[in-house]
Amino acid sequence: MNSLRNSRRSHLSRRPHLLRAVIAVLAVLMVVLSSCAQIPRSGPVGKSKDESAGNPNAPVFFPPPPHPGATPESIIEDFYGAGSGYEGDYAVARQYLTQALSVSWKSDKRTLVFRKATVVKTGVENEFKYQLDLAYAVDADGVATQFPEGTTETIPVTLEQVDGEWRISAVPDGTAIPEETFKVIYAAQPIYFYDPTFTYAVPDVRWFIKKNTVKAMTSALLDGPAPYLQGAVVSAFPSGMKLARESVPVVSGAAQVDLSAKELVDASAEDRQRMQNQLTLTFRSQPDVVNVQLRADQDLVRVEDNGSVLPPVLEKNAPARQIAVSNDELVRYENNRVSALPDMQPVAGLNPSAPAESPTSQAVAFLNGAGTVLYSMIPGQPARQLTTRSTLSHPSFSPQDWVWTAGPGASGATEVVAFKPSNVPQGQAVPTVTITPPWLAGRVVRDFRVSREGTRALVISEMNGKSSVQVTGILRNPDGTPKDLTAPLTLFSSTPVDQGVWVNSTTVAVMKASSTENVVPELLSLTSSQPQLLPAWPNLTTISAGNGPEQIFGQSGAGVFQRVGNGWELQLKGPVDPSFPG
């Protein structure tokens, strides 16, 4: 009995310590929870594991709900601050809206990304403007448009009082978030289409919230390519095909893509194989997706590989060699050695410059020293004059064996011209296509380079001393003949540029040549909003690129240099204007 009393006393004596410990733990938890509930839109983020498709480690923001007595200005600012909290279909942001608007407001219509924002009174009672310095606009399919600093966008906002608290009663669909928040919760992801021959995979870079990318990627893929690629690429999915359910679950590594049954069942075996290949390429960036299952109303549709459909080439590589000029003749530059081009006739009398070589045939092209005449040549035949202009851009071959250049036409308007000189005997007319894109009106084209798979072109142009770097899609007739260029996508460099080359399917290298000053080339990527500056080097006059950022070459009067780490390494003296096939 005494031992029981002693045990009770001992237990009771410990209880204050236990209570203090529990209180301390609860205090810590309260601090943690309150800090999570008040994380600002640009502050620290937490982790959330989502078993659905996407990045399970994607950061998640926890914006605060409306606080009592908030002013209209505060409600507007905090509503858009809550745009970082995408969980539960922006459940917190909807608390800032009236009940009717919270139901009808479409959060995913578009996302405006701003550098800074200000609430402005309009002079009309309860009406305001949310004025943005706009950096990007991202539509519902993840297509991003970048804007230069100083671009403004004004969002009208109307408020009313609900039970004594201000709530937003009218606002356009979509969210607006700071640029620093955008960089944390969004990521650039390529979805893939085909070139018109289904030979090559063409990346179409989109911006999606990191956590739910698989479903977003699938919806975007079914909706078709971005505007600048429309008509230049094709999809295995017929127009009108939709998801049969509003999710793309990933079960044991298999992305279950449930599509509208009729279109899927009616598709040929080859088309279904291409659909699966297209989705597999699109999901390759998602670590939780191992394979793809096509389903019709949740029933598995078997995709049989009968060998008639080859997987598309994901990244078309350039051959390892370069074409260059040495002692006024066209030469091959490879493995730091110069050799003669096989079976090519002398061209020293034409003072060749800016040579280009076809990646698919033995055809070559070059300009004269003044850059006013374009020539082509094939083995065993003399050089053939293709066009004469007051200025011409560096020739560029597509894998379809068309050689492209740009310059002013007879009327002075800028023209883009393509020729197909291979296998055309002397004396016969070379197939020629002339395009006058309206978006190049008044501009001088400094460089025009066709992408490795031939569906796009890098265009560097200038107007009133200001340069633009753009990527356009190449539209073709059913027989493969070029017919037009699409309205382009604009990339932003940190300095003026006058030449550029493709580094891979999503990256270009650009620079402004100078024979007297240091030159800083830049890498511009479709997957990044910020240019990557390469090491400065004196007097670079041309740039070329093989396969990837490690195979970038620059040429100055001192020789040909290759980018190595944070510098440039001399490769060879003698050859000038080196250029990889394409």
Protein backbone atom coordinates (compact mmCIF):
# COMPACT_ATOMS: atom_id res chain seq x y z
CA MET A 1 0.00 0.00 0.00
CA ASN A 2 2.82 2.41 0.87
CA SER A 3 4.56 1.56 -2.38
CA LEU A 4 1.35 2.39 -4.29
CA ARG A 5 1.07 5.76 -2.48
CA ASN A 6 4.74 6.48 -3.23
CA SER A 7 4.16 5.59 -6.87
CA ARG A 8 1.18 7.93 -7.04
CA ARG A 9 3.17 10.74 -5.37
CA SER A 10 6.03 10.17 -7.82
CA HIS A 11 3.62 10.22 -10.76
CA LEU A 12 1.89 13.34 -9.49
CA SER A 13 5.21 15.04 -8.91
CA ARG A 14 6.12 14.49 -12.53
CA ARG A 15 2.88 15.82 -13.97
CA PRO A 16 3.84 19.53 -13.82
CA HIS A 17 6.93 18.71 -15.85
CA LEU A 18 4.83 16.78 -18.38
CA LEU A 19 2.33 19.62 -18.61
CA ARG A 20 5.10 22.15 -19.16
CA ALA A 21 6.59 19.93 -21.88
CA VAL A 22 3.24 19.54 -23.61
CA ILE A 23 2.62 23.29 -23.42
CA ALA A 24 6.06 23.94 -24.90
CA VAL A 25 5.43 21.56 -27.80
CA LEU A 26 2.03 23.10 -28.46
CA ALA A 27 3.58 26.56 -28.45
CA VAL A 28 6.13 25.50 -31.04
CA LEU A 29 3.39 23.94 -33.17
CA MET A 30 1.33 27.11 -32.96
CA VAL A 31 4.28 29.19 -34.10
CA VAL A 32 4.96 26.84 -36.98
CA LEU A 33 1.32 26.69 -38.05
CA SER A 34 0.83 30.43 -37.81
CA SER A 35 3.99 31.09 -39.79
CA CYS A 36 2.80 28.66 -42.48
CA ALA A 37 -0.56 30.37 -42.65
CA GLN A 38 1.13 33.71 -43.23
CA ILE A 39 3.82 32.78 -45.74
CA PRO A 40 3.97 35.71 -48.18
CA ARG A 41 3.54 35.20 -51.89
CA SER A 42 7.28 35.64 -52.50
CA GLY A 43 8.63 34.14 -49.28
CA PRO A 44 9.63 30.68 -48.12
CA VAL A 45 7.71 27.67 -49.38
CA GLY A 46 6.74 24.33 -47.93
CA LYS A 47 6.71 20.85 -49.47
CA SER A 48 3.64 18.95 -50.44
CA LYS A 49 3.54 15.36 -51.65
CA ASP A 50 0.83 14.79 -54.20
CA GLU A 51 0.23 11.21 -55.30
CA SER A 52 -1.27 12.41 -58.57
CA ALA A 53 0.86 13.00 -61.62
CA GLY A 54 3.41 15.76 -61.46
CA ASN A 55 6.35 16.69 -59.30
CA PRO A 56 5.66 15.40 -55.77
CA ASN A 57 8.34 17.72 -54.40
CA ALA A 58 6.86 20.83 -55.97
CA PRO A 59 6.86 23.81 -53.59
CA VAL A 60 3.52 24.94 -52.22
CA PHE A 61 2.59 28.41 -50.94
CA PHE A 62 0.12 28.95 -48.09
CA PRO A 63 -1.33 32.45 -48.55
CA PRO A 64 -3.44 33.93 -45.72
CA PRO A 65 -7.24 34.28 -45.96
CA PRO A 66 -8.90 37.71 -45.71
CA HIS A 67 -8.44 39.38 -42.34
CA PRO A 68 -11.30 41.29 -40.66
CA GLY A 69 -11.50 45.00 -41.41
CA ALA A 70 -9.26 44.87 -44.48
CA THR A 71 -9.44 47.89 -46.79
CA PRO A 72 -10.41 47.48 -50.49
CA GLU A 73 -6.79 48.07 -51.51
CA SER A 74 -5.61 45.38 -49.11
CA ILE A 75 -8.27 42.94 -50.35
CA ILE A 76 -7.13 43.44 -53.95
CA GLU A 77 -3.44 43.03 -53.12
CA ASP A 78 -4.05 39.97 -50.95
CA PHE A 79 -6.37 38.38 -53.51
CA TYR A 80 -3.62 38.48 -56.10
CA GLY A 81 -1.12 37.45 -53.45
CA ALA A 82 -3.28 34.37 -52.91
CA GLY A 83 -2.74 33.55 -56.58
CA SER A 84 0.38 31.71 -55.44
CA GLY A 85 -1.81 29.24 -53.52
CA TYR A 86 -3.01 26.96 -56.30
CA GLU A 87 -4.01 24.12 -53.94
CA GLY A 88 -7.72 23.25 -53.95
CA ASP A 89 -8.32 25.22 -57.14
CA TYR A 90 -7.19 28.46 -55.47
CA ALA A 91 -9.45 27.91 -52.47
CA VAL A 92 -7.90 30.77 -50.46
CA ALA A 93 -8.10 33.25 -53.35
CA ARG A 94 -11.81 32.49 -53.75
CA GLN A 95 -12.41 33.64 -50.17
CA TYR A 96 -11.65 37.20 -51.32
CA LEU A 97 -14.54 37.06 -53.82
CA THR A 98 -18.26 37.38 -53.36
CA GLN A 99 -20.05 34.06 -53.24
CA ALA A 100 -21.37 34.37 -56.81
CA LEU A 101 -17.99 35.35 -58.23
CA SER A 102 -16.13 32.67 -56.30
CA VAL A 103 -18.19 30.08 -58.21
CA SER A 104 -17.86 31.62 -61.69
CA TRP A 105 -14.23 32.87 -61.52
CA LYS A 106 -11.95 30.76 -63.78
CA SER A 107 -8.54 30.73 -62.15
CA ASP A 108 -6.75 28.94 -64.99
CA LYS A 109 -7.83 31.24 -67.81
CA ARG A 110 -4.43 32.94 -67.82
CA THR A 111 -1.62 33.91 -65.48
CA LEU A 112 -0.12 37.40 -65.58
CA VAL A 113 3.41 37.61 -64.21
CA PHE A 114 4.46 41.04 -63.01
CA ARG A 115 7.65 42.77 -61.94
CA LYS A 116 5.69 45.14 -59.71
CA ALA A 117 2.05 46.02 -59.13
CA THR A 118 0.06 48.96 -57.77
CA VAL A 119 -3.59 49.41 -56.76
CA VAL A 120 -4.98 52.61 -58.33
CA LYS A 121 -8.29 54.31 -57.53
CA THR A 122 -10.40 55.12 -60.58
CA GLY A 123 -12.51 57.90 -59.12
CA VAL A 124 -15.62 55.72 -59.38
CA GLU A 125 -16.90 54.40 -56.08
CA ASN A 126 -15.72 50.87 -55.27
CA GLU A 127 -13.88 50.55 -58.59
CA PHE A 128 -10.12 50.15 -58.78
CA LYS A 129 -7.37 49.20 -61.18
CA TYR A 130 -4.56 46.74 -60.49
CA GLN A 131 -1.74 48.13 -62.59
CA LEU A 132 1.09 45.75 -63.53
CA ASP A 133 4.57 46.08 -64.96
CA LEU A 134 4.05 42.95 -67.04
CA ALA A 135 6.83 40.38 -67.51
CA TYR A 136 4.85 37.43 -68.98
CA ALA A 137 1.37 36.32 -69.84
CA VAL A 138 0.72 32.57 -69.71
CA ASP A 139 -2.48 31.21 -71.25
CA ALA A 140 -4.50 28.18 -70.15
CA ASP A 141 -2.34 25.86 -72.28
CA GLY A 142 0.94 27.15 -70.84
CA VAL A 143 1.90 29.28 -73.84
CA ALA A 144 4.00 32.13 -72.44
CA THR A 145 4.48 35.54 -74.02
CA GLN A 146 7.37 37.59 -72.67
CA PHE A 147 7.23 41.39 -72.49
CA PRO A 148 9.99 43.98 -72.18
CA GLU A 149 10.30 46.03 -69.01
CA GLY A 150 7.87 48.91 -68.94
CA THR A 151 4.99 46.98 -70.52
CA THR A 152 1.85 47.74 -68.51
CA GLU A 153 -1.37 45.80 -68.05
CA THR A 154 -4.36 47.16 -66.15
CA ILE A 155 -6.89 44.86 -64.46
CA PRO A 156 -10.28 46.39 -63.51
CA VAL A 157 -11.57 45.35 -60.07
CA THR A 158 -14.92 46.13 -58.42
CA LEU A 159 -15.68 45.52 -54.73
CA GLU A 160 -18.73 45.47 -52.52
CA GLN A 161 -19.36 44.91 -48.85
CA VAL A 162 -20.57 41.51 -47.65
CA ASP A 163 -21.58 41.36 -43.97
CA GLY A 164 -19.47 44.44 -43.35
CA GLU A 165 -16.34 43.12 -45.09
CA TRP A 166 -15.01 44.15 -48.49
CA ARG A 167 -15.10 41.43 -51.17
CA ILE A 168 -14.34 41.51 -54.90
CA SER A 169 -17.54 41.36 -56.97
CA ALA A 170 -16.08 41.76 -60.48
CA VAL A 171 -12.62 40.85 -61.80
CA PRO A 172 -11.37 39.20 -65.02
CA ASP A 173 -10.66 35.48 -64.99
CA GLY A 174 -7.11 34.41 -64.22
CA THR A 175 -4.41 35.12 -61.67
CA ALA A 176 -1.53 37.57 -61.36
CA ILE A 177 1.65 36.69 -59.47
CA PRO A 178 5.07 38.28 -58.93
CA GLU A 179 7.90 37.17 -61.19
CA GLU A 180 9.85 35.67 -58.28
CA THR A 181 6.85 33.51 -57.33
CA PHE A 182 6.35 32.43 -60.94
CA LYS A 183 9.92 31.14 -61.08
CA VAL A 184 9.30 29.00 -57.99
CA ILE A 185 5.96 27.36 -58.75
CA TYR A 186 6.09 27.18 -62.57
CA ALA A 187 8.53 25.27 -64.77
CA ALA A 188 9.16 25.22 -68.51
CA GLN A 189 8.27 21.83 -69.98
CA PRO A 190 8.41 20.81 -73.64
CA ILE A 191 5.45 19.04 -75.15
CA TYR A 192 6.17 17.40 -78.49
CA PHE A 193 4.70 17.50 -81.96
CA TYR A 194 5.99 16.09 -85.25
CA ASP A 195 7.40 17.61 -88.39
CA PRO A 196 4.97 17.01 -91.30
CA THR A 197 6.75 13.77 -92.28
CA PHE A 198 6.58 12.34 -88.72
CA THR A 199 10.37 11.95 -88.85
CA TYR A 200 11.39 14.44 -86.18
CA ALA A 201 10.01 15.40 -82.76
CA VAL A 202 9.61 19.16 -82.38
CA PRO A 203 9.58 20.68 -78.87
CA ASP A 204 6.87 23.18 -78.01
CA VAL A 205 7.92 24.68 -74.66
CA ARG A 206 5.11 25.51 -72.23
CA TRP A 207 4.99 26.78 -68.63
CA PHE A 208 3.02 24.71 -66.12
CA ILE A 209 2.58 24.63 -62.35
CA LYS A 210 5.12 22.04 -61.27
CA LYS A 211 2.78 19.96 -59.18
CA ASN A 212 0.17 19.01 -61.77
CA THR A 213 2.10 18.87 -65.01
CA VAL A 214 0.99 15.54 -66.53
CA LYS A 215 -2.67 16.49 -66.89
CA ALA A 216 -1.78 20.02 -68.00
CA MET A 217 0.67 18.66 -70.59
CA THR A 218 -1.93 16.26 -71.97
CA SER A 219 -4.60 18.94 -72.30
CA ALA A 220 -2.15 21.29 -74.01
CA LEU A 221 -1.05 18.55 -76.39
CA LEU A 222 -4.64 17.81 -77.39
CA ASP A 223 -5.33 21.53 -77.92
CA GLY A 224 -2.54 21.70 -80.50
CA PRO A 225 0.70 23.63 -80.99
CA ALA A 226 1.54 27.15 -79.87
CA PRO A 227 0.59 29.91 -82.34
CA TYR A 228 4.09 30.25 -83.83
CA LEU A 229 4.14 26.51 -84.63
CA GLN A 230 0.60 26.17 -85.99
CA GLY A 231 0.79 24.77 -89.51
CA ALA A 232 4.52 24.08 -89.21
CA VAL A 233 4.12 20.93 -87.11
CA VAL A 234 1.54 18.15 -86.93
CA SER A 235 0.02 16.02 -84.20
CA ALA A 236 -1.02 12.37 -84.14
CA PHE A 237 -4.12 13.42 -82.20
CA PRO A 238 -7.01 14.49 -84.45
CA SER A 239 -8.60 17.87 -83.90
CA GLY A 240 -11.42 17.61 -81.41
CA MET A 241 -10.04 14.70 -79.42
CA LYS A 242 -10.46 15.41 -75.71
CA LEU A 243 -9.74 13.85 -72.35
CA ALA A 244 -12.64 11.67 -71.24
CA ARG A 245 -12.03 12.60 -67.59
CA GLU A 246 -10.46 15.59 -65.92
CA SER A 247 -7.36 13.80 -64.70
CA VAL A 248 -4.44 11.75 -65.94
CA PRO A 249 -3.60 9.40 -63.08
CA VAL A 250 -0.23 7.73 -62.89
CA VAL A 251 -0.59 4.22 -61.53
CA SER A 252 2.57 2.16 -60.89
CA GLY A 253 4.45 4.40 -63.33
CA ALA A 254 1.83 4.21 -66.08
CA ALA A 255 0.16 7.45 -67.18
CA GLN A 256 -3.45 6.49 -67.93
CA VAL A 257 -4.59 8.82 -70.70
CA ASP A 258 -8.33 8.36 -71.08
CA LEU A 259 -9.44 9.80 -74.42
CA SER A 260 -12.75 10.26 -76.20
CA ALA A 261 -13.56 6.74 -77.32
CA LYS A 262 -14.79 7.19 -80.90
CA GLU A 263 -11.74 9.07 -82.19
CA LEU A 264 -9.34 6.70 -80.46
CA VAL A 265 -11.07 3.49 -81.60
CA ASP A 266 -11.44 4.79 -85.17
CA ALA A 267 -7.74 5.72 -85.39
CA SER A 268 -5.42 3.45 -87.35
CA ALA A 269 -2.84 1.29 -85.60
CA GLU A 270 -0.13 3.61 -86.94
CA ASP A 271 -1.87 6.70 -85.58
CA ARG A 272 -2.29 5.12 -82.15
CA GLN A 273 1.39 4.22 -82.15
CA ARG A 274 2.25 7.82 -82.98
CA MET A 275 -0.10 9.07 -80.25
CA GLN A 276 1.64 6.89 -77.70
CA ASN A 277 5.09 7.99 -78.94
CA GLN A 278 4.03 11.65 -78.75
CA LEU A 279 2.81 11.28 -75.17
CA THR A 280 5.86 9.26 -74.13
CA LEU A 281 8.16 12.02 -75.39
CA THR A 282 6.03 14.70 -73.72
CA PHE A 283 6.13 12.90 -70.34
CA ARG A 284 9.85 12.16 -70.48
CA SER A 285 10.57 15.03 -68.06
CA GLN A 286 8.20 13.58 -65.44
CA PRO A 287 10.06 11.26 -63.03
CA ASP A 288 6.94 9.36 -61.96
CA VAL A 289 5.91 8.40 -65.53
CA VAL A 290 7.52 5.24 -66.90
CA ASN A 291 5.10 4.39 -69.70
CA VAL A 292 1.82 5.51 -71.27
CA GLN A 293 -1.50 3.69 -71.54
CA LEU A 294 -4.15 4.86 -74.00
CA ARG A 295 -7.68 4.29 -72.74
CA ALA A 296 -11.16 4.76 -74.23
CA ASP A 297 -13.76 5.43 -71.55
CA GLN A 298 -11.30 3.89 -69.07
CA ASP A 299 -10.93 0.67 -71.11
CA LEU A 300 -7.33 -0.08 -72.05
CA VAL A 301 -6.67 0.22 -75.80
CA ARG A 302 -3.83 -2.00 -76.92
CA VAL A 303 -1.19 -0.26 -79.02
CA GLU A 304 0.51 -2.79 -81.26
CA ASP A 305 3.90 -2.04 -82.75
CA ASN A 306 3.93 -3.69 -86.16
CA GLY A 307 7.23 -2.06 -87.12
CA SER A 308 5.69 0.38 -89.59
CA VAL A 309 6.09 3.40 -87.28
CA LEU A 310 9.59 4.45 -86.29
CA PRO A 311 10.04 6.59 -83.17
CA PRO A 312 10.73 10.20 -84.18
CA VAL A 313 14.22 11.62 -83.90
CA LEU A 314 14.20 13.57 -80.65
CA GLU A 315 17.27 15.72 -81.20
CA LYS A 316 18.64 15.88 -84.73
CA ASN A 317 22.38 16.25 -84.45
CA ALA A 318 24.60 18.21 -86.77
CA PRO A 319 27.49 16.32 -88.42
CA ALA A 320 30.82 16.82 -86.66
CA ARG A 321 32.43 18.64 -89.59
CA GLN A 322 32.30 22.31 -90.50
CA ILE A 323 32.60 24.07 -93.82
CA ALA A 324 34.93 27.08 -93.93
CA VAL A 325 36.95 29.31 -96.23
CA SER A 326 40.75 28.98 -96.47
CA ASN A 327 42.93 30.73 -99.04
CA ASP A 328 39.75 31.81 -100.86
CA GLU A 329 38.57 28.22 -101.33
CA LEU A 330 35.84 26.24 -99.60
CA VAL A 331 37.31 23.66 -97.23
CA ARG A 332 36.25 21.10 -94.67
CA TYR A 333 37.25 21.81 -91.08
CA GLU A 334 37.14 18.73 -88.85
CA ASN A 335 39.21 17.47 -85.89
CA ASN A 336 41.29 20.66 -86.08
CA ARG A 337 42.38 19.83 -89.60
CA VAL A 338 41.54 21.45 -92.91
CA SER A 339 40.95 19.40 -96.06
CA ALA A 340 39.51 20.03 -99.51
CA LEU A 341 35.79 19.50 -100.14
CA PRO A 342 35.40 16.34 -102.26
CA ASP A 343 35.00 16.98 -106.02
CA MET A 344 34.32 20.69 -105.65
CA GLN A 345 35.56 23.10 -108.31
CA PRO A 346 37.64 26.18 -107.41
CA VAL A 347 35.73 29.31 -106.35
CA ALA A 348 38.60 31.66 -105.45
CA GLY A 349 37.57 34.06 -108.21
CA LEU A 350 34.21 34.56 -106.48
CA ASN A 351 35.77 35.65 -103.17
CA PRO A 352 33.62 33.25 -101.10
CA SER A 353 32.33 34.04 -97.62
CA ALA A 354 29.66 32.76 -95.19
CA PRO A 355 29.62 29.19 -96.54
CA ALA A 356 26.89 26.67 -95.70
CA GLU A 357 26.62 22.93 -96.32
CA SER A 358 23.54 20.76 -96.66
CA PRO A 359 23.15 18.18 -93.87
CA THR A 360 21.50 15.72 -96.26
CA SER A 361 23.34 16.09 -99.59
CA GLN A 362 26.67 17.34 -100.94
CA ALA A 363 25.24 20.72 -101.91
CA VAL A 364 26.96 23.85 -100.58
CA ALA A 365 26.14 27.55 -100.73
CA PHE A 366 28.08 30.74 -100.06
CA LEU A 367 28.04 34.50 -100.52
CA ASN A 368 30.52 36.65 -102.34
CA GLY A 369 32.85 38.80 -100.26
CA ALA A 370 30.47 41.78 -100.34
CA GLY A 371 27.54 39.63 -99.17
CA THR A 372 25.41 40.61 -102.17
CA VAL A 373 25.38 37.43 -104.31
CA LEU A 374 24.32 33.92 -103.27
CA TYR A 375 25.90 30.94 -105.02
CA SER A 376 25.30 27.21 -104.76
CA MET A 377 27.44 24.33 -105.92
CA ILE A 378 27.30 20.54 -106.10
CA PRO A 379 30.20 18.15 -106.78
CA GLY A 380 31.48 18.18 -110.34
CA GLN A 381 29.65 21.34 -111.36
CA PRO A 382 30.67 25.00 -111.31
CA ALA A 383 29.12 27.44 -108.88
CA ARG A 384 25.65 28.64 -109.81
CA GLN A 385 24.35 32.13 -109.02
CA LEU A 386 21.01 31.98 -107.22
CA THR A 387 20.19 35.61 -106.40
CA THR A 388 21.66 39.09 -106.14
CA ARG A 389 20.53 41.62 -103.51
CA SER A 390 21.96 44.73 -101.90
CA THR A 391 22.51 42.62 -98.75
CA LEU A 392 21.98 38.95 -97.99
CA SER A 393 21.96 36.98 -94.77
CA HIS A 394 24.18 33.94 -94.14
CA PRO A 395 22.75 31.00 -96.16
CA SER A 396 21.22 28.14 -94.20
CA PHE A 397 20.16 24.65 -95.35
CA SER A 398 17.17 22.71 -94.08
CA PRO A 399 17.23 18.89 -93.92
CA GLN A 400 14.77 19.04 -96.83
CA ASP A 401 17.73 20.44 -98.85
CA TRP A 402 16.36 23.94 -99.34
CA VAL A 403 18.88 26.75 -98.84
CA TRP A 404 17.51 29.93 -97.26
CA THR A 405 18.62 33.55 -97.16
CA ALA A 406 16.98 36.95 -96.71
CA GLY A 407 17.42 40.41 -98.19
CA PRO A 408 15.55 43.34 -99.74
CA GLY A 409 13.57 42.67 -102.91
CA ALA A 410 13.18 44.91 -105.93
CA SER A 411 10.64 47.07 -104.11
CA GLY A 412 12.85 47.34 -101.05
CA ALA A 413 10.61 45.10 -98.94
CA THR A 414 12.40 42.42 -96.95
CA GLU A 415 12.10 39.01 -98.59
CA VAL A 416 12.98 35.55 -97.35
CA VAL A 417 14.03 33.33 -100.24
CA ALA A 418 14.49 29.56 -100.44
CA PHE A 419 16.16 27.60 -103.25
CA LYS A 420 16.53 23.87 -103.92
CA PRO A 421 19.66 23.62 -106.07
CA SER A 422 20.63 19.98 -105.48
CA ASN A 423 20.20 17.59 -108.41
CA VAL A 424 19.26 20.41 -110.79
CA PRO A 425 21.42 20.24 -113.96
CA GLN A 426 23.17 23.34 -115.21
CA GLY A 427 20.92 25.39 -117.45
CA GLN A 428 17.72 24.40 -115.70
CA ALA A 429 15.85 26.70 -113.33
CA VAL A 430 16.33 26.09 -109.64
CA PRO A 431 13.07 25.76 -107.65
CA THR A 432 12.62 29.06 -105.81
CA VAL A 433 10.17 30.34 -103.20
CA THR A 434 9.96 34.01 -102.17
CA ILE A 435 8.18 34.96 -98.94
CA THR A 436 7.42 38.49 -97.74
CA PRO A 437 6.38 38.14 -94.07
CA PRO A 438 4.40 41.18 -92.89
CA TRP A 439 6.12 41.06 -89.48
CA LEU A 440 9.45 41.77 -91.23
CA ALA A 441 8.17 44.95 -92.86
CA GLY A 442 10.67 47.76 -92.36
CA ARG A 443 13.22 45.40 -90.82
CA VAL A 444 16.65 44.33 -92.09
CA VAL A 445 17.36 40.64 -91.60
CA ARG A 446 20.83 40.16 -90.18
CA ASP A 447 20.68 36.38 -89.85
CA PHE A 448 18.31 33.58 -90.81
CA ARG A 449 19.06 30.02 -89.64
CA VAL A 450 16.80 27.00 -90.15
CA SER A 451 16.46 24.63 -87.19
CA ARG A 452 17.96 21.14 -87.38
CA GLU A 453 14.60 19.45 -88.03
CA GLY A 454 13.53 22.09 -90.57
CA THR A 455 10.22 23.23 -89.04
CA ARG A 456 11.47 26.50 -87.54
CA ALA A 457 13.90 29.31 -88.25
CA LEU A 458 15.89 31.70 -86.08
CA VAL A 459 15.51 35.24 -87.41
CA ILE A 460 17.63 38.14 -86.21
CA SER A 461 16.50 41.46 -87.62
CA GLU A 462 16.98 45.14 -86.98
CA MET A 463 14.90 48.29 -87.24
CA ASN A 464 15.88 51.80 -86.16
CA GLY A 465 19.03 50.45 -84.55
CA LYS A 466 17.15 47.94 -82.36
CA SER A 467 17.61 44.21 -82.89
CA SER A 468 15.07 41.43 -82.42
CA VAL A 469 15.64 37.71 -81.91
CA GLN A 470 12.67 35.64 -83.06
CA VAL A 471 11.72 32.06 -83.87
CA THR A 472 9.23 31.47 -86.68
CA GLY A 473 7.55 28.34 -87.99
CA ILE A 474 8.06 27.27 -91.62
CA LEU A 475 4.81 26.44 -93.42
CA ARG A 476 5.03 23.97 -96.30
CA ASN A 477 2.80 22.61 -99.05
CA PRO A 478 1.97 18.89 -99.02
CA ASP A 479 4.91 18.21 -101.37
CA GLY A 480 7.31 19.86 -98.87
CA THR A 481 7.77 23.12 -100.78
CA PRO A 482 7.99 26.10 -98.39
CA LYS A 483 5.13 28.56 -98.68
CA ASP A 484 5.14 30.96 -95.70
CA LEU A 485 6.42 31.82 -92.23
CA THR A 486 4.30 32.08 -89.10
CA ALA A 487 4.04 35.11 -86.83
CA PRO A 488 7.10 34.59 -84.62
CA LEU A 489 7.92 34.01 -80.98
CA THR A 490 10.27 36.67 -79.58
CA LEU A 491 13.29 35.91 -77.39
CA PHE A 492 14.99 38.64 -75.38
CA SER A 493 18.74 39.16 -75.33
CA SER A 494 20.50 41.42 -72.86
CA THR A 495 22.37 43.34 -75.58
CA PRO A 496 21.91 44.06 -79.30
CA VAL A 497 22.84 41.12 -81.55
CA ASP A 498 23.37 40.62 -85.27
CA GLN A 499 23.99 36.89 -85.71
CA GLY A 500 22.99 33.58 -84.17
CA VAL A 501 22.98 29.81 -84.57
CA TRP A 502 21.01 26.83 -83.24
CA VAL A 503 22.78 25.00 -80.39
CA ASN A 504 20.11 22.34 -79.94
CA SER A 505 16.34 22.08 -80.45
CA THR A 506 15.52 24.59 -77.68
CA THR A 507 18.60 26.86 -77.50
CA VAL A 508 20.30 29.40 -79.74
CA ALA A 509 23.58 31.26 -79.36
CA VAL A 510 23.61 34.93 -80.40
CA MET A 511 26.13 37.76 -80.39
CA LYS A 512 27.02 41.09 -81.94
CA ALA A 513 30.20 40.72 -83.98
CA SER A 514 33.10 43.12 -83.50
CA SER A 515 36.62 43.14 -84.88
CA THR A 516 37.79 45.73 -82.34
CA GLU A 517 36.05 45.01 -79.00
CA ASN A 518 35.30 42.23 -76.56
CA VAL A 519 32.26 40.19 -77.57
CA VAL A 520 29.96 38.43 -75.10
CA PRO A 521 27.88 35.70 -76.79
CA GLU A 522 24.64 34.68 -75.09
CA LEU A 523 22.61 31.50 -74.93
CA LEU A 524 18.88 32.12 -75.30
CA SER A 525 16.67 29.19 -74.41
CA LEU A 526 13.01 28.53 -75.02
CA THR A 527 13.02 26.92 -71.54
CA SER A 528 14.41 29.92 -69.67
CA SER A 529 13.52 33.58 -69.37
CA GLN A 530 17.08 34.69 -68.64
CA PRO A 531 19.97 34.82 -71.15
CA GLN A 532 23.10 32.88 -70.20
CA LEU A 533 26.18 34.99 -70.83
CA LEU A 534 29.16 33.14 -72.29
CA PRO A 535 32.77 34.18 -71.61
CA ALA A 536 33.82 37.43 -73.24
CA TRP A 537 36.42 37.20 -75.97
CA PRO A 538 38.07 39.90 -78.08
CA ASN A 539 37.16 40.50 -81.70
CA LEU A 540 34.79 37.61 -82.40
CA THR A 541 33.34 38.03 -85.89
CA THR A 542 31.45 34.75 -86.43
CA ILE A 543 29.89 32.06 -84.27
CA SER A 544 29.03 28.44 -85.02
CA ALA A 545 27.58 25.59 -82.96
CA GLY A 546 27.53 21.82 -83.21
CA ASN A 547 25.57 19.74 -80.73
CA GLY A 548 25.13 21.45 -77.41
CA PRO A 549 26.67 24.37 -75.49
CA GLU A 550 30.06 22.62 -75.29
CA GLN A 551 30.43 22.73 -79.09
CA ILE A 552 30.31 26.47 -79.64
CA PHE A 553 33.01 28.01 -81.82
CA GLY A 554 33.96 31.63 -82.35
CA GLN A 555 36.31 33.07 -84.93
CA SER A 556 38.49 36.14 -84.73
CA GLY A 557 41.54 37.36 -86.57
CA ALA A 558 43.63 35.22 -84.20
CA GLY A 559 41.97 31.97 -85.33
CA VAL A 560 39.10 29.64 -84.53
CA PHE A 561 38.33 29.21 -80.82
CA GLN A 562 36.12 26.72 -79.01
CA ARG A 563 34.28 27.47 -75.82
CA VAL A 564 35.90 25.52 -72.98
CA GLY A 565 34.45 26.04 -69.50
CA ASN A 566 34.70 29.71 -68.63
CA GLY A 567 36.97 30.62 -71.50
CA TRP A 568 37.89 30.04 -75.12
CA GLU A 569 40.62 27.78 -76.43
CA LEU A 570 42.45 28.31 -79.72
CA GLN A 571 41.81 25.45 -82.14
CA LEU A 572 43.36 26.44 -85.45
CA LYS A 573 44.61 29.43 -87.41
CA GLY A 574 43.79 29.84 -91.06
CA PRO A 575 40.17 28.92 -91.82
CA VAL A 576 37.50 31.62 -91.54
CA ASP A 577 33.69 31.66 -91.37
CA PRO A 578 33.34 28.08 -90.08
CA SER A 579 29.79 26.72 -90.08
CA PHE A 580 28.28 23.34 -89.22
CA PRO A 581 25.99 21.74 -91.83
CA GLY A 582 22.55 23.26 -91.80
